[in-house]
Every structure is written in structure tokens, then in C-alpha cells.
Amino acid sequence: MQIDYNILITYGAATKKYEKGSVIFREGSIPHFFHQIVEGEVKLFSRNNEGKDFIQGMFASGQTFGEAPVLLDKIYPSTAQAIKDCVIIRITREKLLNILKDFPDITHQMVFSLAERIYQKAVSAQTLLCHTPEEKILSFFHTIKDTTQKKDHILIPFTRQQIADFTSLRVETVIRTLLRMHKQKKINIIEHKIYF
């Protein structure tokens, strides 16, 4: 979901730059801004007591992230971090609510965007319930393929570490499982890139 840049600026939004690796907001902090990426990439993740990350989403130019806590005025349940240098346009909750009141079509788009995210979270939960590493990885790959709506082989746009973080597996387990799946012709690995 993307709100027109000119509308955001008219209502008082400002851009902010974040270097790769910078934290945009932390789990447990109070939300002050609605965030929309102008350029760059952001990951949303949670970290367990053992220091293992679980990626909840990856977002790129034109996408928004962290909307639910801002709208609900509740603490962030995850951390947002720039995985590339980013330019993000930010607007306060109060000004965002004014936009939603003044532009019903934006409100309509946001409802469906949030519904899609809720649906994807439910699908992701199914991945975590799979028993074997292969089942988890295949479930994750099917989810990616479903979102692209392509029937042919697709490039999996994530590193082995990111796949591990999405599936709650160790990166070593992901590497071994991917190699076995490649030998079984369930996936293709060409020049270190994964195709499913």
C-alpha cells in the first residue's frame, strides 16, 4: 500500500535517511510515525532470548511497514532495520488519521493491505508448524510463489540466512536441506541462486 507522496508532504510528512544496518524502531518502543519507503529495503523482525532473529516481513520502495501499532497506538511488537541505505517518509499518527478521514479511498486501500498482511501472517504460521526442515522451506517457497502468482520457476529473492530467519531454522540446516532438495530436483540452484 502506498500513499501518494504529495498527499503525505501536504499533510506535514518529512523524509529521513537511514544507513544500512540502522534501526528505524525497536520492539517495545512507542510508535510515533507512519513509515513509507521512498527508496531502499527494510526488514521487520523479532529476536528471541537466544539472539535468533525471526523475520516477519521485508519491505521495499513504495511499501509501508509498522502501520498496525501506529493505528492502534500500541508498542511495536518487532524491530525495523534498514537492510540497504533507505529514504523513508514519515508522518505522525494524528496527521495520518487526518489523511484517512479526508481520503476514504486511501482508507479502503489500507484496509485491504492490512487484511493481506494478516492473511500472510496466518500462512507464515503454517510454515512454522511444519515438522521437517524441508517441509518448512517448501512451505515458505510456496508462499513466495503464491504472492508472485507465477506458475513457472521463480528466483527466491532471499539469502540462506534470511530463509533461516523466516523459517526459524539454523542457517547450516537450511544449506544442507537446500543441497539435498537440489539433488532431488525439488529446486534448482544455479550460480548460488535458488529457483523454485
C-alpha atoms as a PDB file:
ATOM      1  CA  MET A   1       0.000   0.000   0.000  1.00  0.00           C
ATOM      2  CA  GLN A   2       1.355   3.376  -0.943  1.00  0.00           C
ATOM      3  CA  ILE A   3       0.039   6.821  -0.100  1.00  0.00           C
ATOM      4  CA  ASP A   4       0.733   9.483  -2.709  1.00  0.00           C
ATOM      5  CA  TYR A   5       3.935  11.322  -1.801  1.00  0.00           C
ATOM      6  CA  ASN A   6       2.329  14.742  -2.448  1.00  0.00           C
ATOM      7  CA  ILE A   7      -0.521  13.993  -0.051  1.00  0.00           C
ATOM      8  CA  LEU A   8       1.934  12.977   2.667  1.00  0.00           C
ATOM      9  CA  ILE A   9       4.009  16.151   2.180  1.00  0.00           C
ATOM     10  CA  THR A  10       0.878  18.337   2.130  1.00  0.00           C
ATOM     11  CA  TYR A  11      -0.155  16.882   5.490  1.00  0.00           C
ATOM     12  CA  GLY A  12       3.258  17.533   7.058  1.00  0.00           C
ATOM     13  CA  ALA A  13       5.356  14.423   6.374  1.00  0.00           C
ATOM     14  CA  ALA A  14       9.146  14.631   6.197  1.00  0.00           C
ATOM     15  CA  THR A  15      11.788  12.311   4.793  1.00  0.00           C
ATOM     16  CA  LYS A  16      14.567  10.769   6.836  1.00  0.00           C
ATOM     17  CA  LYS A  17      17.653   8.853   5.676  1.00  0.00           C
ATOM     18  CA  TYR A  18      18.795   5.624   7.332  1.00  0.00           C
ATOM     19  CA  GLU A  19      22.088   3.908   6.607  1.00  0.00           C
ATOM     20  CA  LYS A  20      22.231   0.160   6.041  1.00  0.00           C
ATOM     21  CA  GLY A  21      22.007  -1.562   9.434  1.00  0.00           C
ATOM     22  CA  SER A  22      20.288   1.383  11.168  1.00  0.00           C
ATOM     23  CA  VAL A  23      17.350   0.604  13.424  1.00  0.00           C
ATOM     24  CA  ILE A  24      14.228   2.550  12.465  1.00  0.00           C
ATOM     25  CA  PHE A  25      12.250   1.481  15.518  1.00  0.00           C
ATOM     26  CA  ARG A  26      12.722  -1.149  18.214  1.00  0.00           C
ATOM     27  CA  GLU A  27      10.475  -3.845  19.590  1.00  0.00           C
ATOM     28  CA  GLY A  28       8.740  -2.463  22.690  1.00  0.00           C
ATOM     29  CA  SER A  29       9.032   1.198  21.684  1.00  0.00           C
ATOM     30  CA  ILE A  30       6.076   3.538  21.334  1.00  0.00           C
ATOM     31  CA  PRO A  31       5.129   4.335  17.718  1.00  0.00           C
ATOM     32  CA  HIS A  32       5.234   7.975  16.701  1.00  0.00           C
ATOM     33  CA  PHE A  33       5.258   7.783  12.886  1.00  0.00           C
ATOM     34  CA  PHE A  34       3.728   6.068   9.879  1.00  0.00           C
ATOM     35  CA  HIS A  35       6.611   4.933   7.624  1.00  0.00           C
ATOM     36  CA  GLN A  36       6.663   4.641   3.825  1.00  0.00           C
ATOM     37  CA  ILE A  37       9.823   3.669   1.950  1.00  0.00           C
ATOM     38  CA  VAL A  38      10.877   6.061  -0.808  1.00  0.00           C
ATOM     39  CA  GLU A  39      13.988   4.021  -1.605  1.00  0.00           C
ATOM     40  CA  GLY A  40      15.843   1.131  -0.001  1.00  0.00           C
ATOM     41  CA  GLU A  41      14.776  -2.006   1.872  1.00  0.00           C
ATOM     42  CA  VAL A  42      13.659  -2.690   5.439  1.00  0.00           C
ATOM     43  CA  LYS A  43      13.212  -5.897   7.410  1.00  0.00           C
ATOM     44  CA  LEU A  44      10.809  -6.326  10.313  1.00  0.00           C
ATOM     45  CA  PHE A  45      11.955  -8.945  12.810  1.00  0.00           C
ATOM     46  CA  SER A  46      11.700 -10.238  16.354  1.00  0.00           C
ATOM     47  CA  ARG A  47      14.607 -11.672  18.345  1.00  0.00           C
ATOM     48  CA  ASN A  48      14.285 -14.445  20.904  1.00  0.00           C
ATOM     49  CA  ASN A  49      16.220 -14.768  24.183  1.00  0.00           C
ATOM     50  CA  GLU A  50      18.939 -16.792  22.438  1.00  0.00           C
ATOM     51  CA  GLY A  51      19.581 -13.992  19.917  1.00  0.00           C
ATOM     52  CA  LYS A  52      17.873 -15.791  16.991  1.00  0.00           C
ATOM     53  CA  ASP A  53      16.010 -13.489  14.608  1.00  0.00           C
ATOM     54  CA  PHE A  54      12.633 -14.302  13.121  1.00  0.00           C
ATOM     55  CA  ILE A  55      11.880 -12.163  10.054  1.00  0.00           C
ATOM     56  CA  GLN A  56       8.267 -11.048   9.931  1.00  0.00           C
ATOM     57  CA  GLY A  57       8.491  -9.133   6.687  1.00  0.00           C
ATOM     58  CA  MET A  58      10.710  -7.489   4.095  1.00  0.00           C
ATOM     59  CA  PHE A  59       9.664  -4.197   2.524  1.00  0.00           C
ATOM     60  CA  ALA A  60      10.968  -2.180  -0.438  1.00  0.00           C
ATOM     61  CA  SER A  61      10.396   1.117  -2.230  1.00  0.00           C
ATOM     62  CA  GLY A  62       6.766   2.237  -2.212  1.00  0.00           C
ATOM     63  CA  GLN A  63       5.777  -0.052   0.642  1.00  0.00           C
ATOM     64  CA  THR A  64       4.728   0.832   4.165  1.00  0.00           C
ATOM     65  CA  PHE A  65       5.526  -1.038   7.370  1.00  0.00           C
ATOM     66  CA  GLY A  66       4.558  -0.976  11.036  1.00  0.00           C
ATOM     67  CA  GLU A  67       1.113   0.506  10.381  1.00  0.00           C
ATOM     68  CA  ALA A  68      -0.900  -1.561  12.884  1.00  0.00           C
ATOM     69  CA  PRO A  69       0.921  -0.364  16.037  1.00  0.00           C
ATOM     70  CA  VAL A  70       0.702   3.246  14.815  1.00  0.00           C
ATOM     71  CA  LEU A  71      -3.027   2.984  14.115  1.00  0.00           C
ATOM     72  CA  LEU A  72      -3.728   1.137  17.381  1.00  0.00           C
ATOM     73  CA  ASP A  73      -1.332   3.350  19.385  1.00  0.00           C
ATOM     74  CA  LYS A  74       0.326   0.225  20.863  1.00  0.00           C
ATOM     75  CA  ILE A  75       4.009  -0.633  21.267  1.00  0.00           C
ATOM     76  CA  TYR A  76       5.884  -2.159  18.365  1.00  0.00           C
ATOM     77  CA  PRO A  77       5.932  -5.992  18.574  1.00  0.00           C
ATOM     78  CA  SER A  78       9.015  -6.120  16.322  1.00  0.00           C
ATOM     79  CA  THR A  79      12.107  -4.174  15.253  1.00  0.00           C
ATOM     80  CA  ALA A  80      12.522  -2.449  11.875  1.00  0.00           C
ATOM     81  CA  GLN A  81      16.021  -2.258  10.398  1.00  0.00           C
ATOM     82  CA  ALA A  82      17.355  -0.874   7.115  1.00  0.00           C
ATOM     83  CA  ILE A  83      18.963  -3.678   5.101  1.00  0.00           C
ATOM     84  CA  LYS A  84      20.039  -1.181   2.436  1.00  0.00           C
ATOM     85  CA  ASP A  85      20.510   2.581   2.665  1.00  0.00           C
ATOM     86  CA  CYS A  86      16.989   3.998   2.891  1.00  0.00           C
ATOM     87  CA  VAL A  87      14.999   7.157   2.445  1.00  0.00           C
ATOM     88  CA  ILE A  88      11.745   6.929   4.387  1.00  0.00           C
ATOM     89  CA  ILE A  89       8.913   9.400   4.501  1.00  0.00           C
ATOM     90  CA  ARG A  90       7.371   9.674   7.973  1.00  0.00           C
ATOM     91  CA  ILE A  91       4.202  11.288   9.223  1.00  0.00           C
ATOM     92  CA  THR A  92       2.752  11.450  12.732  1.00  0.00           C
ATOM     93  CA  ARG A  93      -0.200   9.290  13.757  1.00  0.00           C
ATOM     94  CA  GLU A  94      -2.505  12.305  14.129  1.00  0.00           C
ATOM     95  CA  LYS A  95      -1.723  13.561  10.620  1.00  0.00           C
ATOM     96  CA  LEU A  96      -2.113  10.042   9.193  1.00  0.00           C
ATOM     97  CA  LEU A  97      -5.564   9.808  10.795  1.00  0.00           C
ATOM     98  CA  ASN A  98      -6.469  13.137   9.139  1.00  0.00           C
ATOM     99  CA  ILE A  99      -5.434  11.719   5.746  1.00  0.00           C
ATOM    100  CA  LEU A 100      -7.543   8.596   6.339  1.00  0.00           C
ATOM    101  CA  LYS A 101     -10.521  10.772   7.281  1.00  0.00           C
ATOM    102  CA  ASP A 102     -10.102  13.090   4.277  1.00  0.00           C
ATOM    103  CA  PHE A 103      -9.356  10.352   1.698  1.00  0.00           C
ATOM    104  CA  PRO A 104     -11.728   7.367   2.026  1.00  0.00           C
ATOM    105  CA  ASP A 105     -10.086   5.646  -0.954  1.00  0.00           C
ATOM    106  CA  ILE A 106      -6.762   5.556   0.944  1.00  0.00           C
ATOM    107  CA  THR A 107      -8.569   4.114   3.964  1.00  0.00           C
ATOM    108  CA  HIS A 108     -10.110   1.473   1.699  1.00  0.00           C
ATOM    109  CA  GLN A 109      -6.683   0.551   0.258  1.00  0.00           C
ATOM    110  CA  MET A 110      -5.169   0.373   3.740  1.00  0.00           C
ATOM    111  CA  VAL A 111      -7.891  -1.982   4.991  1.00  0.00           C
ATOM    112  CA  PHE A 112      -7.192  -4.427   2.157  1.00  0.00           C
ATOM    113  CA  SER A 113      -3.424  -4.058   2.546  1.00  0.00           C
ATOM    114  CA  LEU A 114      -3.663  -4.876   6.263  1.00  0.00           C
ATOM    115  CA  ALA A 115      -6.021  -7.781   5.521  1.00  0.00           C
ATOM    116  CA  GLU A 116      -3.452  -9.194   3.072  1.00  0.00           C
ATOM    117  CA  ARG A 117      -0.736  -8.927   5.737  1.00  0.00           C
ATOM    118  CA  ILE A 118      -2.929 -10.709   8.297  1.00  0.00           C
ATOM    119  CA  TYR A 119      -3.553 -13.466   5.766  1.00  0.00           C
ATOM    120  CA  GLN A 120       0.188 -13.787   5.005  1.00  0.00           C
ATOM    121  CA  LYS A 121       0.961 -13.993   8.748  1.00  0.00           C
ATOM    122  CA  ALA A 122      -1.501 -16.885   9.059  1.00  0.00           C
ATOM    123  CA  VAL A 123       0.158 -18.632   6.113  1.00  0.00           C
ATOM    124  CA  SER A 124       3.587 -17.996   7.687  1.00  0.00           C
ATOM    125  CA  ALA A 125       2.372 -19.559  10.927  1.00  0.00           C
ATOM    126  CA  GLN A 126       1.645 -22.748   8.976  1.00  0.00           C
ATOM    127  CA  THR A 127       5.297 -22.796   7.862  1.00  0.00           C
ATOM    128  CA  LEU A 128       6.419 -22.779  11.493  1.00  0.00           C
ATOM    129  CA  LEU A 129       4.131 -25.732  12.265  1.00  0.00           C
ATOM    130  CA  CYS A 130       5.793 -27.951   9.655  1.00  0.00           C
ATOM    131  CA  HIS A 131       7.846 -30.751  11.173  1.00  0.00           C
ATOM    132  CA  THR A 132      10.895 -31.204   8.959  1.00  0.00           C
ATOM    133  CA  PRO A 133      13.254 -28.516   7.651  1.00  0.00           C
ATOM    134  CA  GLU A 134      12.310 -29.488   4.086  1.00  0.00           C
ATOM    135  CA  GLU A 135       8.598 -29.035   4.839  1.00  0.00           C
ATOM    136  CA  LYS A 136       9.299 -25.605   6.359  1.00  0.00           C
ATOM    137  CA  ILE A 137      11.380 -24.470   3.401  1.00  0.00           C
ATOM    138  CA  LEU A 138       8.909 -25.808   0.823  1.00  0.00           C
ATOM    139  CA  SER A 139       6.016 -24.124   2.634  1.00  0.00           C
ATOM    140  CA  PHE A 140       7.958 -20.847   2.677  1.00  0.00           C
ATOM    141  CA  PHE A 141       8.800 -21.143  -1.034  1.00  0.00           C
ATOM    142  CA  HIS A 142       5.159 -21.903  -1.909  1.00  0.00           C
ATOM    143  CA  THR A 143       4.117 -18.756  -0.039  1.00  0.00           C
ATOM    144  CA  ILE A 144       6.600 -16.689  -2.062  1.00  0.00           C
ATOM    145  CA  LYS A 145       5.426 -18.270  -5.309  1.00  0.00           C
ATOM    146  CA  ASP A 146       1.764 -17.653  -4.427  1.00  0.00           C
ATOM    147  CA  THR A 147       2.436 -13.949  -3.845  1.00  0.00           C
ATOM    148  CA  THR A 148       4.144 -13.617  -7.249  1.00  0.00           C
ATOM    149  CA  GLN A 149       1.272 -15.502  -8.926  1.00  0.00           C
ATOM    150  CA  LYS A 150       3.741 -17.196 -11.305  1.00  0.00           C
ATOM    151  CA  LYS A 151       3.437 -20.849 -12.225  1.00  0.00           C
ATOM    152  CA  ASP A 152       6.954 -21.272 -13.633  1.00  0.00           C
ATOM    153  CA  HIS A 153      10.167 -21.425 -11.656  1.00  0.00           C
ATOM    154  CA  ILE A 154      10.818 -18.251  -9.700  1.00  0.00           C
ATOM    155  CA  LEU A 155      14.011 -16.855  -8.233  1.00  0.00           C
ATOM    156  CA  ILE A 156      13.854 -16.969  -4.431  1.00  0.00           C
ATOM    157  CA  PRO A 157      14.962 -13.423  -3.551  1.00  0.00           C
ATOM    158  CA  PHE A 158      16.391 -14.268  -0.132  1.00  0.00           C
ATOM    159  CA  THR A 159      19.777 -15.311   1.208  1.00  0.00           C
ATOM    160  CA  ARG A 160      20.191 -18.597   3.032  1.00  0.00           C
ATOM    161  CA  GLN A 161      20.407 -16.630   6.304  1.00  0.00           C
ATOM    162  CA  GLN A 162      17.129 -14.837   5.532  1.00  0.00           C
ATOM    163  CA  ILE A 163      15.453 -18.164   4.702  1.00  0.00           C
ATOM    164  CA  ALA A 164      16.674 -19.428   8.078  1.00  0.00           C
ATOM    165  CA  ASP A 165      15.303 -16.326   9.798  1.00  0.00           C
ATOM    166  CA  PHE A 166      11.913 -16.694   8.090  1.00  0.00           C
ATOM    167  CA  THR A 167      11.609 -20.411   8.922  1.00  0.00           C
ATOM    168  CA  SER A 168      13.211 -20.464  12.405  1.00  0.00           C
ATOM    169  CA  LEU A 169      15.884 -22.872  11.204  1.00  0.00           C
ATOM    170  CA  ARG A 170      19.642 -22.678  11.617  1.00  0.00           C
ATOM    171  CA  VAL A 171      21.455 -21.460   8.508  1.00  0.00           C
ATOM    172  CA  GLU A 172      23.531 -24.657   8.421  1.00  0.00           C
ATOM    173  CA  THR A 173      20.306 -26.702   8.341  1.00  0.00           C
ATOM    174  CA  VAL A 174      18.960 -24.536   5.504  1.00  0.00           C
ATOM    175  CA  ILE A 175      22.139 -25.018   3.460  1.00  0.00           C
ATOM    176  CA  ARG A 176      22.161 -28.805   3.918  1.00  0.00           C
ATOM    177  CA  THR A 177      18.431 -29.082   3.190  1.00  0.00           C
ATOM    178  CA  LEU A 178      18.666 -26.918   0.051  1.00  0.00           C
ATOM    179  CA  LEU A 179      21.514 -29.044  -1.299  1.00  0.00           C
ATOM    180  CA  ARG A 180      19.506 -32.224  -0.685  1.00  0.00           C
ATOM    181  CA  MET A 181      16.419 -30.668  -2.324  1.00  0.00           C
ATOM    182  CA  HIS A 182      18.554 -29.681  -5.325  1.00  0.00           C
ATOM    183  CA  LYS A 183      19.833 -33.266  -5.709  1.00  0.00           C
ATOM    184  CA  GLN A 184      16.214 -34.486  -5.510  1.00  0.00           C
ATOM    185  CA  LYS A 185      15.277 -31.918  -8.224  1.00  0.00           C
ATOM    186  CA  LYS A 186      12.749 -30.168  -5.967  1.00  0.00           C
ATOM    187  CA  ILE A 187      14.601 -26.881  -6.512  1.00  0.00           C
ATOM    188  CA  ASN A 188      17.321 -25.628  -8.826  1.00  0.00           C
ATOM    189  CA  ILE A 189      20.479 -23.922  -7.625  1.00  0.00           C
ATOM    190  CA  ILE A 190      22.239 -22.042 -10.408  1.00  0.00           C
ATOM    191  CA  GLU A 191      25.294 -19.908  -9.551  1.00  0.00           C
ATOM    192  CA  HIS A 192      24.291 -19.938  -5.863  1.00  0.00           C
ATOM    193  CA  LYS A 193      20.801 -18.622  -6.722  1.00  0.00           C
ATOM    194  CA  ILE A 194      17.755 -20.664  -5.726  1.00  0.00           C
ATOM    195  CA  TYR A 195      14.907 -21.281  -8.179  1.00  0.00           C
ATOM    196  CA  PHE A 196      11.630 -22.915  -7.204  1.00  0.00           C
END
